[in-house]
Amino acid sequence: MLCPHCGAEMRLMALIEDPPIIEQILKHLQLWNPRPPSEDLDWPDNCQLPLTYAPLLDIA
């Protein structure tokens, strides 16, 4: 990652996984804008994901 202001390399310092804490931080930054729940939660019939197989080396 590069700093958008000076171009210096940035490093990840922490990872927050607790949803209530994430919501609290985003609300404080005025970035919290939850979407209303979708009415149709089923996967569309005509939607397909491309699947690929990549063998992994067994190094154990």
PDB file of N, CA and C in Angstrom:
ATOM      1  N   MET A   1       0.844  -1.172   0.000  1.00  0.00           N
ATOM      2  CA  MET A   1       0.000   0.000   0.000  1.00  0.00           C
ATOM      3  C   MET A   1       0.889   1.234   0.000  1.00  0.00           C
ATOM      4  N   LEU A   2       0.456   2.237  -0.711  1.00  0.00           N
ATOM      5  CA  LEU A   2       1.178   3.501  -0.748  1.00  0.00           C
ATOM      6  C   LEU A   2       0.324   4.613  -0.162  1.00  0.00           C
ATOM      7  N   CYS A   3       0.985   5.523   0.546  1.00  0.00           N
ATOM      8  CA  CYS A   3       0.296   6.677   1.123  1.00  0.00           C
ATOM      9  C   CYS A   3      -0.222   7.562  -0.006  1.00  0.00           C
ATOM     10  N   PRO A   4      -1.508   7.924   0.015  1.00  0.00           N
ATOM     11  CA  PRO A   4      -2.044   8.778  -1.046  1.00  0.00           C
ATOM     12  C   PRO A   4      -1.515  10.208  -0.982  1.00  0.00           C
ATOM     13  N   HIS A   5      -0.914  10.594   0.145  1.00  0.00           N
ATOM     14  CA  HIS A   5      -0.424  11.967   0.294  1.00  0.00           C
ATOM     15  C   HIS A   5       1.038  12.115  -0.116  1.00  0.00           C
ATOM     16  N   CYS A   6       1.900  11.176   0.351  1.00  0.00           N
ATOM     17  CA  CYS A   6       3.335  11.341   0.084  1.00  0.00           C
ATOM     18  C   CYS A   6       3.922  10.221  -0.754  1.00  0.00           C
ATOM     19  N   GLY A   7       3.185   9.138  -0.980  1.00  0.00           N
ATOM     20  CA  GLY A   7       3.673   8.037  -1.792  1.00  0.00           C
ATOM     21  C   GLY A   7       4.544   7.043  -1.039  1.00  0.00           C
ATOM     22  N   ALA A   8       4.729   7.231   0.274  1.00  0.00           N
ATOM     23  CA  ALA A   8       5.546   6.308   1.060  1.00  0.00           C
ATOM     24  C   ALA A   8       4.818   4.979   1.240  1.00  0.00           C
ATOM     25  N   GLU A   9       5.599   3.916   1.435  1.00  0.00           N
ATOM     26  CA  GLU A   9       5.007   2.604   1.654  1.00  0.00           C
ATOM     27  C   GLU A   9       4.339   2.561   3.026  1.00  0.00           C
ATOM     28  N   MET A  10       3.118   2.023   3.065  1.00  0.00           N
ATOM     29  CA  MET A  10       2.395   1.877   4.326  1.00  0.00           C
ATOM     30  C   MET A  10       2.331   0.392   4.668  1.00  0.00           C
ATOM     31  N   ARG A  11       2.263   0.095   5.968  1.00  0.00           N
ATOM     32  CA  ARG A  11       2.154  -1.281   6.435  1.00  0.00           C
ATOM     33  C   ARG A  11       0.895  -1.438   7.272  1.00  0.00           C
ATOM     34  N   LEU A  12       0.325  -2.621   7.230  1.00  0.00           N
ATOM     35  CA  LEU A  12      -0.855  -2.933   8.022  1.00  0.00           C
ATOM     36  C   LEU A  12      -0.428  -3.104   9.470  1.00  0.00           C
ATOM     37  N   MET A  13      -1.025  -2.337  10.368  1.00  0.00           N
ATOM     38  CA  MET A  13      -0.653  -2.374  11.782  1.00  0.00           C
ATOM     39  C   MET A  13      -1.630  -3.218  12.603  1.00  0.00           C
ATOM     40  N   ALA A  14      -2.889  -3.259  12.203  1.00  0.00           N
ATOM     41  CA  ALA A  14      -3.890  -3.994  12.972  1.00  0.00           C
ATOM     42  C   ALA A  14      -5.033  -4.387  12.047  1.00  0.00           C
ATOM     43  N   LEU A  15      -5.740  -5.414  12.457  1.00  0.00           N
ATOM     44  CA  LEU A  15      -6.915  -5.872  11.724  1.00  0.00           C
ATOM     45  C   LEU A  15      -8.049  -6.000  12.731  1.00  0.00           C
ATOM     46  N   ILE A  16      -9.109  -5.264  12.512  1.00  0.00           N
ATOM     47  CA  ILE A  16     -10.247  -5.271  13.431  1.00  0.00           C
ATOM     48  C   ILE A  16     -11.326  -6.162  12.834  1.00  0.00           C
ATOM     49  N   GLU A  17     -11.738  -7.188  13.592  1.00  0.00           N
ATOM     50  CA  GLU A  17     -12.722  -8.147  13.102  1.00  0.00           C
ATOM     51  C   GLU A  17     -14.047  -8.091  13.850  1.00  0.00           C
ATOM     52  N   ASP A  18     -14.138  -7.317  14.919  1.00  0.00           N
ATOM     53  CA  ASP A  18     -15.336  -7.258  15.752  1.00  0.00           C
ATOM     54  C   ASP A  18     -16.347  -6.289  15.125  1.00  0.00           C
ATOM     55  N   PRO A  19     -17.469  -6.797  14.572  1.00  0.00           N
ATOM     56  CA  PRO A  19     -18.419  -5.932  13.867  1.00  0.00           C
ATOM     57  C   PRO A  19     -18.903  -4.711  14.655  1.00  0.00           C
ATOM     58  N   PRO A  20     -19.226  -4.822  15.956  1.00  0.00           N
ATOM     59  CA  PRO A  20     -19.660  -3.609  16.673  1.00  0.00           C
ATOM     60  C   PRO A  20     -18.566  -2.536  16.750  1.00  0.00           C
ATOM     61  N   ILE A  21     -17.313  -2.949  16.872  1.00  0.00           N
ATOM     62  CA  ILE A  21     -16.211  -1.991  16.917  1.00  0.00           C
ATOM     63  C   ILE A  21     -16.032  -1.337  15.550  1.00  0.00           C
ATOM     64  N   ILE A  22     -16.139  -2.122  14.489  1.00  0.00           N
ATOM     65  CA  ILE A  22     -16.032  -1.574  13.135  1.00  0.00           C
ATOM     66  C   ILE A  22     -17.134  -0.546  12.908  1.00  0.00           C
ATOM     67  N   GLU A  23     -18.350  -0.883  13.320  1.00  0.00           N
ATOM     68  CA  GLU A  23     -19.471   0.056  13.168  1.00  0.00           C
ATOM     69  C   GLU A  23     -19.214   1.344  13.946  1.00  0.00           C
ATOM     70  N   GLN A  24     -18.713   1.219  15.176  1.00  0.00           N
ATOM     71  CA  GLN A  24     -18.441   2.397  16.004  1.00  0.00           C
ATOM     72  C   GLN A  24     -17.389   3.299  15.354  1.00  0.00           C
ATOM     73  N   ILE A  25     -16.331   2.708  14.818  1.00  0.00           N
ATOM     74  CA  ILE A  25     -15.275   3.496  14.164  1.00  0.00           C
ATOM     75  C   ILE A  25     -15.828   4.190  12.926  1.00  0.00           C
ATOM     76  N   LEU A  26     -16.568   3.448  12.097  1.00  0.00           N
ATOM     77  CA  LEU A  26     -17.100   4.037  10.869  1.00  0.00           C
ATOM     78  C   LEU A  26     -18.125   5.127  11.160  1.00  0.00           C
ATOM     79  N   LYS A  27     -18.930   4.952  12.203  1.00  0.00           N
ATOM     80  CA  LYS A  27     -19.877   6.010  12.579  1.00  0.00           C
ATOM     81  C   LYS A  27     -19.131   7.257  13.025  1.00  0.00           C
ATOM     82  N   HIS A  28     -18.051   7.081  13.799  1.00  0.00           N
ATOM     83  CA  HIS A  28     -17.255   8.221  14.256  1.00  0.00           C
ATOM     84  C   HIS A  28     -16.655   8.978  13.066  1.00  0.00           C
ATOM     85  N   LEU A  29     -16.234   8.247  12.045  1.00  0.00           N
ATOM     86  CA  LEU A  29     -15.654   8.863  10.850  1.00  0.00           C
ATOM     87  C   LEU A  29     -16.721   9.309   9.854  1.00  0.00           C
ATOM     88  N   GLN A  30     -17.979   9.142  10.221  1.00  0.00           N
ATOM     89  CA  GLN A  30     -19.122   9.466   9.366  1.00  0.00           C
ATOM     90  C   GLN A  30     -19.051   8.717   8.034  1.00  0.00           C
ATOM     91  N   LEU A  31     -18.638   7.450   8.115  1.00  0.00           N
ATOM     92  CA  LEU A  31     -18.557   6.592   6.937  1.00  0.00           C
ATOM     93  C   LEU A  31     -19.527   5.415   7.020  1.00  0.00           C
ATOM     94  N   TRP A  32     -20.329   5.364   8.095  1.00  0.00           N
ATOM     95  CA  TRP A  32     -21.272   4.261   8.276  1.00  0.00           C
ATOM     96  C   TRP A  32     -22.533   4.550   7.487  1.00  0.00           C
ATOM     97  N   ASN A  33     -22.816   3.706   6.517  1.00  0.00           N
ATOM     98  CA  ASN A  33     -24.009   3.855   5.700  1.00  0.00           C
ATOM     99  C   ASN A  33     -24.518   2.456   5.369  1.00  0.00           C
ATOM    100  N   PRO A  34     -25.140   1.787   6.354  1.00  0.00           N
ATOM    101  CA  PRO A  34     -25.577   0.415   6.095  1.00  0.00           C
ATOM    102  C   PRO A  34     -26.668   0.373   5.034  1.00  0.00           C
ATOM    103  N   ARG A  35     -26.563  -0.628   4.191  1.00  0.00           N
ATOM    104  CA  ARG A  35     -27.577  -0.824   3.161  1.00  0.00           C
ATOM    105  C   ARG A  35     -28.774  -1.545   3.762  1.00  0.00           C
ATOM    106  N   PRO A  36     -29.964  -1.246   3.288  1.00  0.00           N
ATOM    107  CA  PRO A  36     -31.123  -2.012   3.763  1.00  0.00           C
ATOM    108  C   PRO A  36     -30.984  -3.465   3.316  1.00  0.00           C
ATOM    109  N   PRO A  37     -31.538  -4.398   4.073  1.00  0.00           N
ATOM    110  CA  PRO A  37     -31.423  -5.806   3.688  1.00  0.00           C
ATOM    111  C   PRO A  37     -32.064  -6.058   2.330  1.00  0.00           C
ATOM    112  N   SER A  38     -31.409  -6.894   1.572  1.00  0.00           N
ATOM    113  CA  SER A  38     -31.917  -7.243   0.249  1.00  0.00           C
ATOM    114  C   SER A  38     -33.170  -8.095   0.394  1.00  0.00           C
ATOM    115  N   GLU A  39     -34.139  -7.848  -0.463  1.00  0.00           N
ATOM    116  CA  GLU A  39     -35.379  -8.623  -0.418  1.00  0.00           C
ATOM    117  C   GLU A  39     -35.151 -10.040  -0.946  1.00  0.00           C
ATOM    118  N   ASP A  40     -34.309 -10.167  -1.969  1.00  0.00           N
ATOM    119  CA  ASP A  40     -34.054 -11.467  -2.580  1.00  0.00           C
ATOM    120  C   ASP A  40     -32.655 -11.927  -2.175  1.00  0.00           C
ATOM    121  N   LEU A  41     -32.604 -12.848  -1.209  1.00  0.00           N
ATOM    122  CA  LEU A  41     -31.318 -13.327  -0.731  1.00  0.00           C
ATOM    123  C   LEU A  41     -30.862 -14.586  -1.453  1.00  0.00           C
ATOM    124  N   ASP A  42     -31.681 -15.113  -2.354  1.00  0.00           N
ATOM    125  CA  ASP A  42     -31.297 -16.304  -3.099  1.00  0.00           C
ATOM    126  C   ASP A  42     -30.316 -15.947  -4.210  1.00  0.00           C
ATOM    127  N   TRP A  43     -29.472 -16.915  -4.560  1.00  0.00           N
ATOM    128  CA  TRP A  43     -28.524 -16.742  -5.655  1.00  0.00           C
ATOM    129  C   TRP A  43     -29.308 -16.717  -6.965  1.00  0.00           C
ATOM    130  N   PRO A  44     -29.053 -15.737  -7.839  1.00  0.00           N
ATOM    131  CA  PRO A  44     -29.781 -15.680  -9.117  1.00  0.00           C
ATOM    132  C   PRO A  44     -29.551 -16.947  -9.939  1.00  0.00           C
ATOM    133  N   ASP A  45     -30.605 -17.420 -10.604  1.00  0.00           N
ATOM    134  CA  ASP A  45     -30.516 -18.650 -11.390  1.00  0.00           C
ATOM    135  C   ASP A  45     -29.516 -18.543 -12.533  1.00  0.00           C
ATOM    136  N   ASN A  46     -29.402 -17.370 -13.136  1.00  0.00           N
ATOM    137  CA  ASN A  46     -28.543 -17.218 -14.304  1.00  0.00           C
ATOM    138  C   ASN A  46     -27.123 -16.769 -13.940  1.00  0.00           C
ATOM    139  N   CYS A  47     -26.790 -16.748 -12.667  1.00  0.00           N
ATOM    140  CA  CYS A  47     -25.484 -16.267 -12.234  1.00  0.00           C
ATOM    141  C   CYS A  47     -24.555 -17.453 -11.981  1.00  0.00           C
ATOM    142  N   GLN A  48     -23.366 -17.406 -12.581  1.00  0.00           N
ATOM    143  CA  GLN A  48     -22.384 -18.463 -12.387  1.00  0.00           C
ATOM    144  C   GLN A  48     -21.030 -17.833 -12.096  1.00  0.00           C
ATOM    145  N   LEU A  49     -20.279 -18.473 -11.228  1.00  0.00           N
ATOM    146  CA  LEU A  49     -18.925 -18.024 -10.936  1.00  0.00           C
ATOM    147  C   LEU A  49     -17.945 -18.888 -11.715  1.00  0.00           C
ATOM    148  N   PRO A  50     -16.919 -18.271 -12.297  1.00  0.00           N
ATOM    149  CA  PRO A  50     -15.909 -19.092 -12.966  1.00  0.00           C
ATOM    150  C   PRO A  50     -15.067 -19.815 -11.912  1.00  0.00           C
ATOM    151  N   LEU A  51     -14.988 -21.121 -12.025  1.00  0.00           N
ATOM    152  CA  LEU A  51     -14.204 -21.908 -11.085  1.00  0.00           C
ATOM    153  C   LEU A  51     -12.972 -22.449 -11.791  1.00  0.00           C
ATOM    154  N   THR A  52     -11.834 -22.339 -11.141  1.00  0.00           N
ATOM    155  CA  THR A  52     -10.598 -22.887 -11.698  1.00  0.00           C
ATOM    156  C   THR A  52      -9.943 -23.767 -10.651  1.00  0.00           C
ATOM    157  N   TYR A  53      -9.185 -24.726 -11.102  1.00  0.00           N
ATOM    158  CA  TYR A  53      -8.467 -25.630 -10.217  1.00  0.00           C
ATOM    159  C   TYR A  53      -6.985 -25.351 -10.357  1.00  0.00           C
ATOM    160  N   ALA A  54      -6.334 -25.113  -9.237  1.00  0.00           N
ATOM    161  CA  ALA A  54      -4.892 -24.900  -9.235  1.00  0.00           C
ATOM    162  C   ALA A  54      -4.283 -25.870  -8.234  1.00  0.00           C
ATOM    163  N   PRO A  55      -3.524 -26.859  -8.707  1.00  0.00           N
ATOM    164  CA  PRO A  55      -2.933 -27.814  -7.777  1.00  0.00           C
ATOM    165  C   PRO A  55      -1.904 -27.131  -6.876  1.00  0.00           C
ATOM    166  N   LEU A  56      -1.859 -27.579  -5.626  1.00  0.00           N
ATOM    167  CA  LEU A  56      -0.903 -27.038  -4.666  1.00  0.00           C
ATOM    168  C   LEU A  56       0.176 -28.073  -4.399  1.00  0.00           C
ATOM    169  N   LEU A  57       1.399 -27.608  -4.223  1.00  0.00           N
ATOM    170  CA  LEU A  57       2.494 -28.510  -3.910  1.00  0.00           C
ATOM    171  C   LEU A  57       2.371 -28.991  -2.474  1.00  0.00           C
ATOM    172  N   ASP A  58       2.597 -30.273  -2.266  1.00  0.00           N
ATOM    173  CA  ASP A  58       2.570 -30.832  -0.918  1.00  0.00           C
ATOM    174  C   ASP A  58       3.980 -30.737  -0.353  1.00  0.00           C
ATOM    175  N   ILE A  59       4.201 -29.784   0.538  1.00  0.00           N
ATOM    176  CA  ILE A  59       5.547 -29.572   1.074  1.00  0.00           C
ATOM    177  C   ILE A  59       5.692 -30.128   2.483  1.00  0.00           C
ATOM    178  N   ALA A  60       4.678 -30.845   2.959  1.00  0.00           N
ATOM    179  CA  ALA A  60       4.737 -31.384   4.330  1.00  0.00           C
ATOM    180  C   ALA A  60       5.603 -32.613   4.384  1.00  0.00           C
TER     181      ALA A  60
END
